[in-house]
Amino acid sequence: MNDKFAEAREEITDAMESKDTVYFNEEAEVAQEVANEAIALYEALLERMSKEQADGLRRTTGLKMGQLKAELDLLLHDDEH
């Protein structure tokens, strides 16, 4: 999950850097796919854990996942303006 999270952040950064270029749409699509995979892994992991373990993971990783979702949202919706 941490590797996928790091990959998603990198893809979002690459897509942000490609704004106003012909590569943006493709890079934004890749970033969205990888970010969604990271989020799905996180949520699947939470479901398999006990309540105590899940609460611990939320405390240590929940903020990062929220940040990832916000960055993805910014990437995808900033382009609409």
PDB file of N, CA and C in Angstrom:
ATOM      1  N   MET A   1       0.817  -1.184   0.000  1.00  0.00           N
ATOM      2  CA  MET A   1       0.000   0.000   0.000  1.00  0.00           C
ATOM      3  C   MET A   1       0.866   1.255   0.000  1.00  0.00           C
ATOM      4  N   ASN A   2       1.934   1.261   0.779  1.00  0.00           N
ATOM      5  CA  ASN A   2       2.806   2.439   0.826  1.00  0.00           C
ATOM      6  C   ASN A   2       3.478   2.698  -0.509  1.00  0.00           C
ATOM      7  N   ASP A   3       3.864   1.628  -1.199  1.00  0.00           N
ATOM      8  CA  ASP A   3       4.476   1.796  -2.523  1.00  0.00           C
ATOM      9  C   ASP A   3       3.479   2.386  -3.511  1.00  0.00           C
ATOM     10  N   LYS A   4       2.245   1.901  -3.466  1.00  0.00           N
ATOM     11  CA  LYS A   4       1.205   2.406  -4.369  1.00  0.00           C
ATOM     12  C   LYS A   4       0.878   3.851  -4.031  1.00  0.00           C
ATOM     13  N   PHE A   5       0.888   4.183  -2.739  1.00  0.00           N
ATOM     14  CA  PHE A   5       0.653   5.567  -2.324  1.00  0.00           C
ATOM     15  C   PHE A   5       1.744   6.482  -2.890  1.00  0.00           C
ATOM     16  N   ALA A   6       2.998   6.060  -2.751  1.00  0.00           N
ATOM     17  CA  ALA A   6       4.111   6.860  -3.259  1.00  0.00           C
ATOM     18  C   ALA A   6       4.029   7.007  -4.779  1.00  0.00           C
ATOM     19  N   GLU A   7       3.671   5.936  -5.450  1.00  0.00           N
ATOM     20  CA  GLU A   7       3.526   5.982  -6.907  1.00  0.00           C
ATOM     21  C   GLU A   7       2.410   6.952  -7.296  1.00  0.00           C
ATOM     22  N   ALA A   8       1.310   6.923  -6.567  1.00  0.00           N
ATOM     23  CA  ALA A   8       0.190   7.816  -6.860  1.00  0.00           C
ATOM     24  C   ALA A   8       0.594   9.273  -6.680  1.00  0.00           C
ATOM     25  N   ARG A   9       1.305   9.565  -5.607  1.00  0.00           N
ATOM     26  CA  ARG A   9       1.759  10.950  -5.383  1.00  0.00           C
ATOM     27  C   ARG A   9       2.671  11.408  -6.511  1.00  0.00           C
ATOM     28  N   GLU A  10       3.542  10.522  -6.955  1.00  0.00           N
ATOM     29  CA  GLU A  10       4.456  10.848  -8.056  1.00  0.00           C
ATOM     30  C   GLU A  10       3.682  11.100  -9.354  1.00  0.00           C
ATOM     31  N   GLU A  11       2.695  10.259  -9.623  1.00  0.00           N
ATOM     32  CA  GLU A  11       1.888  10.424 -10.836  1.00  0.00           C
ATOM     33  C   GLU A  11       1.085  11.725 -10.802  1.00  0.00           C
ATOM     34  N   ILE A  12       0.558  12.084  -9.640  1.00  0.00           N
ATOM     35  CA  ILE A  12      -0.181  13.337  -9.500  1.00  0.00           C
ATOM     36  C   ILE A  12       0.752  14.516  -9.735  1.00  0.00           C
ATOM     37  N   THR A  13       1.943  14.455  -9.168  1.00  0.00           N
ATOM     38  CA  THR A  13       2.929  15.521  -9.367  1.00  0.00           C
ATOM     39  C   THR A  13       3.283  15.652 -10.843  1.00  0.00           C
ATOM     40  N   ASP A  14       3.529  14.527 -11.496  1.00  0.00           N
ATOM     41  CA  ASP A  14       3.859  14.551 -12.931  1.00  0.00           C
ATOM     42  C   ASP A  14       2.717  15.164 -13.734  1.00  0.00           C
ATOM     43  N   ALA A  15       1.495  14.792 -13.408  1.00  0.00           N
ATOM     44  CA  ALA A  15       0.345  15.325 -14.138  1.00  0.00           C
ATOM     45  C   ALA A  15       0.205  16.831 -13.907  1.00  0.00           C
ATOM     46  N   MET A  16       0.407  17.264 -12.672  1.00  0.00           N
ATOM     47  CA  MET A  16       0.327  18.701 -12.371  1.00  0.00           C
ATOM     48  C   MET A  16       1.367  19.479 -13.179  1.00  0.00           C
ATOM     49  N   GLU A  17       2.549  18.888 -13.298  1.00  0.00           N
ATOM     50  CA  GLU A  17       3.615  19.546 -14.043  1.00  0.00           C
ATOM     51  C   GLU A  17       3.332  19.584 -15.539  1.00  0.00           C
ATOM     52  N   SER A  18       2.448  18.726 -16.014  1.00  0.00           N
ATOM     53  CA  SER A  18       2.158  18.681 -17.443  1.00  0.00           C
ATOM     54  C   SER A  18       0.927  19.496 -17.828  1.00  0.00           C
ATOM     55  N   LYS A  19       0.375  20.240 -16.866  1.00  0.00           N
ATOM     56  CA  LYS A  19      -0.785  21.081 -17.193  1.00  0.00           C
ATOM     57  C   LYS A  19      -0.430  21.980 -18.364  1.00  0.00           C
ATOM     58  N   ASP A  20      -1.409  22.246 -19.174  1.00  0.00           N
ATOM     59  CA  ASP A  20      -1.251  23.091 -20.358  1.00  0.00           C
ATOM     60  C   ASP A  20      -0.343  22.470 -21.414  1.00  0.00           C
ATOM     61  N   THR A  21      -0.184  21.155 -21.361  1.00  0.00           N
ATOM     62  CA  THR A  21       0.552  20.457 -22.412  1.00  0.00           C
ATOM     63  C   THR A  21      -0.360  19.379 -23.000  1.00  0.00           C
ATOM     64  N   VAL A  22       0.072  18.824 -24.118  1.00  0.00           N
ATOM     65  CA  VAL A  22      -0.720  17.765 -24.757  1.00  0.00           C
ATOM     66  C   VAL A  22      -0.705  16.482 -23.946  1.00  0.00           C
ATOM     67  N   TYR A  23       0.190  16.365 -22.976  1.00  0.00           N
ATOM     68  CA  TYR A  23       0.326  15.147 -22.178  1.00  0.00           C
ATOM     69  C   TYR A  23      -0.576  15.119 -20.954  1.00  0.00           C
ATOM     70  N   PHE A  24      -1.191  16.252 -20.624  1.00  0.00           N
ATOM     71  CA  PHE A  24      -1.921  16.359 -19.368  1.00  0.00           C
ATOM     72  C   PHE A  24      -3.021  15.313 -19.219  1.00  0.00           C
ATOM     73  N   ASN A  25      -3.903  15.193 -20.198  1.00  0.00           N
ATOM     74  CA  ASN A  25      -5.046  14.277 -20.054  1.00  0.00           C
ATOM     75  C   ASN A  25      -4.589  12.849 -19.796  1.00  0.00           C
ATOM     76  N   GLU A  26      -3.600  12.405 -20.526  1.00  0.00           N
ATOM     77  CA  GLU A  26      -3.098  11.043 -20.336  1.00  0.00           C
ATOM     78  C   GLU A  26      -2.466  10.883 -18.954  1.00  0.00           C
ATOM     79  N   GLU A  27      -1.661  11.855 -18.544  1.00  0.00           N
ATOM     80  CA  GLU A  27      -1.009  11.763 -17.238  1.00  0.00           C
ATOM     81  C   GLU A  27      -2.017  11.876 -16.100  1.00  0.00           C
ATOM     82  N   ALA A  28      -3.035  12.697 -16.269  1.00  0.00           N
ATOM     83  CA  ALA A  28      -4.077  12.815 -15.240  1.00  0.00           C
ATOM     84  C   ALA A  28      -4.849  11.507 -15.119  1.00  0.00           C
ATOM     85  N   GLU A  29      -5.086  10.847 -16.241  1.00  0.00           N
ATOM     86  CA  GLU A  29      -5.795   9.563 -16.216  1.00  0.00           C
ATOM     87  C   GLU A  29      -4.981   8.498 -15.487  1.00  0.00           C
ATOM     88  N   VAL A  30      -3.677   8.460 -15.759  1.00  0.00           N
ATOM     89  CA  VAL A  30      -2.801   7.508 -15.069  1.00  0.00           C
ATOM     90  C   VAL A  30      -2.768   7.815 -13.575  1.00  0.00           C
ATOM     91  N   ALA A  31      -2.655   9.083 -13.231  1.00  0.00           N
ATOM     92  CA  ALA A  31      -2.632   9.486 -11.820  1.00  0.00           C
ATOM     93  C   ALA A  31      -3.913   9.056 -11.118  1.00  0.00           C
ATOM     94  N   GLN A  32      -5.041   9.236 -11.785  1.00  0.00           N
ATOM     95  CA  GLN A  32      -6.318   8.849 -11.187  1.00  0.00           C
ATOM     96  C   GLN A  32      -6.380   7.338 -10.978  1.00  0.00           C
ATOM     97  N   GLU A  33      -5.945   6.578 -11.949  1.00  0.00           N
ATOM     98  CA  GLU A  33      -5.964   5.117 -11.819  1.00  0.00           C
ATOM     99  C   GLU A  33      -5.101   4.645 -10.651  1.00  0.00           C
ATOM    100  N   VAL A  34      -3.884   5.163 -10.567  1.00  0.00           N
ATOM    101  CA  VAL A  34      -2.960   4.728  -9.519  1.00  0.00           C
ATOM    102  C   VAL A  34      -3.462   5.185  -8.145  1.00  0.00           C
ATOM    103  N   ALA A  35      -3.971   6.403  -8.057  1.00  0.00           N
ATOM    104  CA  ALA A  35      -4.500   6.895  -6.780  1.00  0.00           C
ATOM    105  C   ALA A  35      -5.695   6.056  -6.339  1.00  0.00           C
ATOM    106  N   ASN A  36      -6.575   5.728  -7.273  1.00  0.00           N
ATOM    107  CA  ASN A  36      -7.731   4.897  -6.926  1.00  0.00           C
ATOM    108  C   ASN A  36      -7.296   3.506  -6.465  1.00  0.00           C
ATOM    109  N   GLU A  37      -6.224   2.973  -7.059  1.00  0.00           N
ATOM    110  CA  GLU A  37      -5.691   1.677  -6.620  1.00  0.00           C
ATOM    111  C   GLU A  37      -5.161   1.778  -5.187  1.00  0.00           C
ATOM    112  N   ALA A  38      -4.450   2.853  -4.885  1.00  0.00           N
ATOM    113  CA  ALA A  38      -3.906   3.039  -3.538  1.00  0.00           C
ATOM    114  C   ALA A  38      -5.029   3.164  -2.520  1.00  0.00           C
ATOM    115  N   ILE A  39      -6.050   3.921  -2.855  1.00  0.00           N
ATOM    116  CA  ILE A  39      -7.185   4.104  -1.955  1.00  0.00           C
ATOM    117  C   ILE A  39      -7.923   2.780  -1.750  1.00  0.00           C
ATOM    118  N   ALA A  40      -8.098   2.022  -2.822  1.00  0.00           N
ATOM    119  CA  ALA A  40      -8.775   0.728  -2.718  1.00  0.00           C
ATOM    120  C   ALA A  40      -7.973  -0.243  -1.850  1.00  0.00           C
ATOM    121  N   LEU A  41      -6.645  -0.235  -1.982  1.00  0.00           N
ATOM    122  CA  LEU A  41      -5.808  -1.093  -1.143  1.00  0.00           C
ATOM    123  C   LEU A  41      -5.951  -0.718   0.329  1.00  0.00           C
ATOM    124  N   TYR A  42      -5.935   0.560   0.608  1.00  0.00           N
ATOM    125  CA  TYR A  42      -6.090   1.060   1.972  1.00  0.00           C
ATOM    126  C   TYR A  42      -7.431   0.617   2.554  1.00  0.00           C
ATOM    127  N   GLU A  43      -8.505   0.818   1.792  1.00  0.00           N
ATOM    128  CA  GLU A  43      -9.840   0.463   2.286  1.00  0.00           C
ATOM    129  C   GLU A  43      -9.984  -1.048   2.460  1.00  0.00           C
ATOM    130  N   ALA A  44      -9.395  -1.832   1.549  1.00  0.00           N
ATOM    131  CA  ALA A  44      -9.452  -3.294   1.679  1.00  0.00           C
ATOM    132  C   ALA A  44      -8.686  -3.751   2.916  1.00  0.00           C
ATOM    133  N   LEU A  45      -7.559  -3.110   3.171  1.00  0.00           N
ATOM    134  CA  LEU A  45      -6.767  -3.445   4.345  1.00  0.00           C
ATOM    135  C   LEU A  45      -7.544  -3.141   5.620  1.00  0.00           C
ATOM    136  N   LEU A  46      -8.206  -1.996   5.657  1.00  0.00           N
ATOM    137  CA  LEU A  46      -9.020  -1.640   6.826  1.00  0.00           C
ATOM    138  C   LEU A  46     -10.103  -2.681   7.087  1.00  0.00           C
ATOM    139  N   GLU A  47     -10.721  -3.176   6.026  1.00  0.00           N
ATOM    140  CA  GLU A  47     -11.801  -4.158   6.165  1.00  0.00           C
ATOM    141  C   GLU A  47     -11.312  -5.487   6.732  1.00  0.00           C
ATOM    142  N   ARG A  48     -10.068  -5.841   6.450  1.00  0.00           N
ATOM    143  CA  ARG A  48      -9.534  -7.124   6.901  1.00  0.00           C
ATOM    144  C   ARG A  48      -8.990  -7.068   8.326  1.00  0.00           C
ATOM    145  N   MET A  49      -8.835  -5.877   8.865  1.00  0.00           N
ATOM    146  CA  MET A  49      -8.227  -5.721  10.191  1.00  0.00           C
ATOM    147  C   MET A  49      -9.274  -5.747  11.292  1.00  0.00           C
ATOM    148  N   SER A  50      -8.793  -6.022  12.487  1.00  0.00           N
ATOM    149  CA  SER A  50      -9.664  -5.873  13.649  1.00  0.00           C
ATOM    150  C   SER A  50      -9.935  -4.377  13.840  1.00  0.00           C
ATOM    151  N   LYS A  51     -10.922  -4.061  14.654  1.00  0.00           N
ATOM    152  CA  LYS A  51     -11.257  -2.653  14.900  1.00  0.00           C
ATOM    153  C   LYS A  51     -10.058  -1.891  15.448  1.00  0.00           C
ATOM    154  N   GLU A  52      -9.345  -2.505  16.381  1.00  0.00           N
ATOM    155  CA  GLU A  52      -8.195  -1.839  16.987  1.00  0.00           C
ATOM    156  C   GLU A  52      -7.088  -1.596  15.952  1.00  0.00           C
ATOM    157  N   GLN A  53      -6.818  -2.588  15.131  1.00  0.00           N
ATOM    158  CA  GLN A  53      -5.792  -2.436  14.091  1.00  0.00           C
ATOM    159  C   GLN A  53      -6.216  -1.373  13.076  1.00  0.00           C
ATOM    160  N   ALA A  54      -7.485  -1.412  12.674  1.00  0.00           N
ATOM    161  CA  ALA A  54      -7.988  -0.441  11.698  1.00  0.00           C
ATOM    162  C   ALA A  54      -7.901   0.979  12.265  1.00  0.00           C
ATOM    163  N   ASP A  55      -8.247   1.138  13.534  1.00  0.00           N
ATOM    164  CA  ASP A  55      -8.145   2.458  14.160  1.00  0.00           C
ATOM    165  C   ASP A  55      -6.699   2.942  14.158  1.00  0.00           C
ATOM    166  N   GLY A  56      -5.765   2.045  14.422  1.00  0.00           N
ATOM    167  CA  GLY A  56      -4.353   2.402  14.395  1.00  0.00           C
ATOM    168  C   GLY A  56      -3.898   2.805  13.001  1.00  0.00           C
ATOM    169  N   LEU A  57      -4.341   2.063  11.998  1.00  0.00           N
ATOM    170  CA  LEU A  57      -3.979   2.403  10.619  1.00  0.00           C
ATOM    171  C   LEU A  57      -4.573   3.742  10.219  1.00  0.00           C
ATOM    172  N   ARG A  58      -5.795   3.990  10.632  1.00  0.00           N
ATOM    173  CA  ARG A  58      -6.416   5.291  10.320  1.00  0.00           C
ATOM    174  C   ARG A  58      -5.625   6.433  10.951  1.00  0.00           C
ATOM    175  N   ARG A  59      -5.140   6.216  12.181  1.00  0.00           N
ATOM    176  CA  ARG A  59      -4.348   7.258  12.859  1.00  0.00           C
ATOM    177  C   ARG A  59      -3.023   7.503  12.149  1.00  0.00           C
ATOM    178  N   THR A  60      -2.393   6.441  11.653  1.00  0.00           N
ATOM    179  CA  THR A  60      -1.070   6.598  11.047  1.00  0.00           C
ATOM    180  C   THR A  60      -1.113   6.909   9.554  1.00  0.00           C
ATOM    181  N   THR A  61      -2.182   6.480   8.881  1.00  0.00           N
ATOM    182  CA  THR A  61      -2.202   6.593   7.426  1.00  0.00           C
ATOM    183  C   THR A  61      -3.406   7.371   6.908  1.00  0.00           C
ATOM    184  N   GLY A  62      -4.413   7.535   7.707  1.00  0.00           N
ATOM    185  CA  GLY A  62      -5.637   8.195   7.256  1.00  0.00           C
ATOM    186  C   GLY A  62      -5.424   9.591   6.716  1.00  0.00           C
ATOM    187  N   LEU A  63      -4.580  10.366   7.363  1.00  0.00           N
ATOM    188  CA  LEU A  63      -4.314  11.724   6.902  1.00  0.00           C
ATOM    189  C   LEU A  63      -3.646  11.723   5.531  1.00  0.00           C
ATOM    190  N   LYS A  64      -2.701  10.801   5.339  1.00  0.00           N
ATOM    191  CA  LYS A  64      -2.024  10.689   4.035  1.00  0.00           C
ATOM    192  C   LYS A  64      -3.025  10.334   2.939  1.00  0.00           C
ATOM    193  N   MET A  65      -3.934   9.419   3.225  1.00  0.00           N
ATOM    194  CA  MET A  65      -4.907   9.015   2.223  1.00  0.00           C
ATOM    195  C   MET A  65      -5.884  10.159   1.931  1.00  0.00           C
ATOM    196  N   GLY A  66      -6.239  10.905   2.943  1.00  0.00           N
ATOM    197  CA  GLY A  66      -7.083  12.077   2.737  1.00  0.00           C
ATOM    198  C   GLY A  66      -6.393  13.112   1.872  1.00  0.00           C
ATOM    199  N   GLN A  67      -5.097  13.293   2.116  1.00  0.00           N
ATOM    200  CA  GLN A  67      -4.310  14.227   1.316  1.00  0.00           C
ATOM    201  C   GLN A  67      -4.254  13.756  -0.134  1.00  0.00           C
ATOM    202  N   LEU A  68      -4.073  12.471  -0.332  1.00  0.00           N
ATOM    203  CA  LEU A  68      -4.024  11.918  -1.684  1.00  0.00           C
ATOM    204  C   LEU A  68      -5.342  12.185  -2.403  1.00  0.00           C
ATOM    205  N   LYS A  69      -6.455  11.951  -1.734  1.00  0.00           N
ATOM    206  CA  LYS A  69      -7.768  12.196  -2.334  1.00  0.00           C
ATOM    207  C   LYS A  69      -7.930  13.671  -2.688  1.00  0.00           C
ATOM    208  N   ALA A  70      -7.492  14.552  -1.799  1.00  0.00           N
ATOM    209  CA  ALA A  70      -7.610  15.990  -2.045  1.00  0.00           C
ATOM    210  C   ALA A  70      -6.742  16.421  -3.224  1.00  0.00           C
ATOM    211  N   GLU A  71      -5.525  15.894  -3.313  1.00  0.00           N
ATOM    212  CA  GLU A  71      -4.639  16.239  -4.420  1.00  0.00           C
ATOM    213  C   GLU A  71      -5.216  15.741  -5.743  1.00  0.00           C
ATOM    214  N   LEU A  72      -5.774  14.554  -5.735  1.00  0.00           N
ATOM    215  CA  LEU A  72      -6.391  14.016  -6.941  1.00  0.00           C
ATOM    216  C   LEU A  72      -7.590  14.871  -7.343  1.00  0.00           C
ATOM    217  N   ASP A  73      -8.406  15.244  -6.374  1.00  0.00           N
ATOM    218  CA  ASP A  73      -9.559  16.088  -6.648  1.00  0.00           C
ATOM    219  C   ASP A  73      -9.127  17.427  -7.241  1.00  0.00           C
ATOM    220  N   LEU A  74      -8.103  18.019  -6.687  1.00  0.00           N
ATOM    221  CA  LEU A  74      -7.577  19.281  -7.194  1.00  0.00           C
ATOM    222  C   LEU A  74      -7.093  19.123  -8.630  1.00  0.00           C
ATOM    223  N   LEU A  75      -6.359  18.054  -8.871  1.00  0.00           N
ATOM    224  CA  LEU A  75      -5.843  17.791 -10.216  1.00  0.00           C
ATOM    225  C   LEU A  75      -6.976  17.664 -11.217  1.00  0.00           C
ATOM    226  N   LEU A  76      -7.977  16.886 -10.883  1.00  0.00           N
ATOM    227  CA  LEU A  76      -9.052  16.598 -11.825  1.00  0.00           C
ATOM    228  C   LEU A  76     -10.025  17.743 -11.999  1.00  0.00           C
ATOM    229  N   HIS A  77     -10.270  18.503 -10.941  1.00  0.00           N
ATOM    230  CA  HIS A  77     -11.283  19.544 -11.029  1.00  0.00           C
ATOM    231  C   HIS A  77     -10.714  20.928 -11.296  1.00  0.00           C
ATOM    232  N   ASP A  78      -9.446  21.139 -11.032  1.00  0.00           N
ATOM    233  CA  ASP A  78      -8.818  22.409 -11.354  1.00  0.00           C
ATOM    234  C   ASP A  78      -8.772  22.586 -12.865  1.00  0.00           C
ATOM    235  N   ASP A  79      -8.691  21.490 -13.586  1.00  0.00           N
ATOM    236  CA  ASP A  79      -8.630  21.523 -15.051  1.00  0.00           C
ATOM    237  C   ASP A  79      -9.947  21.963 -15.660  1.00  0.00           C
ATOM    238  N   GLU A  80     -11.051  21.854 -14.919  1.00  0.00           N
ATOM    239  CA  GLU A  80     -12.357  22.190 -15.457  1.00  0.00           C
ATOM    240  C   GLU A  80     -12.583  23.689 -15.516  1.00  0.00           C
ATOM    241  N   HIS A  81     -11.770  24.472 -14.831  1.00  0.00           N
ATOM    242  CA  HIS A  81     -11.973  25.928 -14.782  1.00  0.00           C
ATOM    243  C   HIS A  81     -11.297  26.607 -15.937  1.00  0.00           C
TER     244      HIS A  81
END
